Amino acid sequence: QVQLTESGGGLVQAGGSLRLSCAASRNIFSINAMGWYRQAPGKQRELVARITRDGSTNYADSVKGRFTISDDNAKSTVYLQMNSLKPEDTAVYYCNTAPANGWGSWGQGTQVTVSS
């Protein structure tokens, strides 16, 4: 499996911004779609943003207009720009294929905590 390493999380006040990064251990150019997921305490992991190989994006309603997913030219890193953060965005954030199909192993994730 390809290793996925997330970074960029932290503690931020409501209304603030963070940029998350996801580095893959090999090129992701051939992957149909990559996504950012999050899991809050006591809740199931959910897909919040997805980017396809041709650059099309879609978002969960809860983050639409605030989060932006992108990838770099080398196709080995996926980003999530998060603006206007809310306390309900607090979660561990992960990246993987979308849907997750076993190509990538789930990493440790990166913790995002938004204080009110």
Protein backbone atom coordinates (compact mmCIF):
# COMPACT_ATOMS: atom_id res chain seq x y z
CA GLN A 1 0.00 0.00 0.00
CA VAL A 2 1.01 3.58 -0.59
CA GLN A 3 1.85 5.53 2.54
CA LEU A 4 -0.05 8.77 3.09
CA THR A 5 1.24 11.36 5.54
CA GLU A 6 -0.92 14.26 6.64
CA SER A 7 0.36 17.46 8.23
CA GLY A 8 -0.59 21.05 8.89
CA GLY A 9 -3.17 20.70 11.61
CA GLY A 10 -3.22 22.67 14.81
CA LEU A 11 -5.21 24.81 17.20
CA VAL A 12 -6.93 27.84 15.72
CA GLN A 13 -9.64 30.24 16.79
CA ALA A 14 -13.01 30.26 15.08
CA GLY A 15 -12.80 32.21 11.85
CA GLY A 16 -9.17 31.29 11.32
CA SER A 17 -7.48 29.30 8.56
CA LEU A 18 -5.27 26.27 8.18
CA ARG A 19 -3.71 24.52 5.21
CA LEU A 20 -3.37 20.77 5.38
CA SER A 21 -0.97 18.73 3.27
CA CYS A 22 -1.02 15.06 2.33
CA ALA A 23 2.15 13.53 0.93
CA ALA A 24 1.96 10.19 -0.86
CA SER A 25 4.92 7.84 -0.97
CA ARG A 26 4.51 7.53 -4.72
CA ASN A 27 2.94 9.45 -7.57
CA ILE A 28 -0.85 9.74 -7.47
CA PHE A 29 -1.28 10.86 -11.08
CA SER A 30 -3.03 7.64 -12.06
CA ILE A 31 -5.54 7.80 -9.21
CA ASN A 32 -9.07 8.68 -10.29
CA ALA A 33 -9.81 10.78 -7.24
CA MET A 34 -8.24 11.75 -3.94
CA GLY A 35 -10.11 13.03 -0.95
CA TRP A 36 -9.84 14.57 2.47
CA TYR A 37 -11.79 12.89 5.24
CA ARG A 38 -12.35 13.82 8.85
CA GLN A 39 -13.39 12.01 11.97
CA ALA A 40 -14.68 13.83 15.03
CA PRO A 41 -14.84 12.12 18.43
CA GLY A 42 -17.73 9.68 18.58
CA LYS A 43 -18.56 10.11 14.90
CA GLN A 44 -17.88 8.16 11.75
CA ARG A 45 -15.23 9.22 9.29
CA GLU A 46 -16.71 11.40 6.56
CA LEU A 47 -15.49 12.60 3.19
CA VAL A 48 -15.37 16.40 3.10
CA ALA A 49 -13.57 17.17 -0.17
CA ARG A 50 -12.67 15.31 -3.33
CA ILE A 51 -10.55 16.09 -6.39
CA THR A 52 -10.53 14.02 -9.55
CA ARG A 53 -7.68 13.37 -11.94
CA ASP A 54 -8.98 16.07 -14.29
CA GLY A 55 -9.16 18.61 -11.47
CA SER A 56 -12.87 18.54 -10.77
CA THR A 57 -13.75 19.11 -7.14
CA ASN A 58 -16.70 18.57 -4.88
CA TYR A 59 -17.38 19.19 -1.23
CA ALA A 60 -19.61 18.19 1.60
CA ASP A 61 -22.32 20.77 2.21
CA SER A 62 -20.87 21.51 5.64
CA VAL A 63 -17.61 22.84 4.18
CA LYS A 64 -18.69 24.15 0.79
CA GLY A 65 -17.48 27.70 0.21
CA ARG A 66 -14.94 27.48 3.06
CA PHE A 67 -12.62 24.61 2.11
CA THR A 68 -10.63 24.19 -1.10
CA ILE A 69 -8.91 20.99 -2.20
CA SER A 70 -6.02 21.05 -4.65
CA ASP A 71 -3.03 19.00 -5.72
CA ASP A 72 0.47 19.89 -6.86
CA ASN A 73 1.86 19.54 -10.36
CA ALA A 74 3.88 16.46 -9.53
CA LYS A 75 0.72 14.75 -8.33
CA SER A 76 2.26 13.52 -5.16
CA THR A 77 0.71 15.97 -2.66
CA VAL A 78 -2.87 16.96 -1.97
CA TYR A 79 -3.81 20.08 -0.03
CA LEU A 80 -6.83 21.29 1.86
CA GLN A 81 -7.14 25.01 2.44
CA MET A 82 -9.59 25.60 5.26
CA ASN A 83 -10.96 29.10 5.86
CA SER A 84 -13.60 30.49 8.19
CA LEU A 85 -13.10 27.54 10.50
CA LYS A 86 -15.85 26.66 12.96
CA PRO A 87 -15.72 24.66 16.20
CA GLU A 88 -17.66 21.90 14.45
CA ASP A 89 -14.71 21.46 12.07
CA THR A 90 -12.71 20.03 14.98
CA ALA A 91 -11.61 16.53 13.98
CA VAL A 92 -8.71 14.40 12.85
CA TYR A 93 -8.24 14.92 9.12
CA TYR A 94 -7.04 12.18 6.78
CA CYS A 95 -6.46 11.83 3.07
CA ASN A 96 -6.95 8.80 0.88
CA THR A 97 -8.45 7.81 -2.44
CA ALA A 98 -12.11 8.73 -2.80
CA PRO A 99 -13.67 6.34 -2.29
CA ALA A 100 -11.05 4.57 -0.21
CA ASN A 101 -10.22 1.38 -2.11
CA GLY A 102 -7.16 0.00 -0.36
CA TRP A 103 -4.62 1.74 -2.61
CA GLY A 104 -3.46 3.96 0.23
CA SER A 105 -3.07 3.07 3.86
CA TRP A 106 -4.76 5.30 6.40
CA GLY A 107 -2.16 7.54 8.02
CA GLN A 108 -2.12 8.99 11.50
CA GLY A 109 -4.07 11.99 10.32
CA THR A 110 -3.61 15.53 11.51
CA GLN A 111 -5.59 17.03 14.37
CA VAL A 112 -7.52 20.22 13.75
CA THR A 113 -8.97 21.94 16.81
CA VAL A 114 -11.07 25.07 16.45
CA SER A 115 -11.79 27.03 19.60
CA SER A 116 -14.84 29.23 19.98
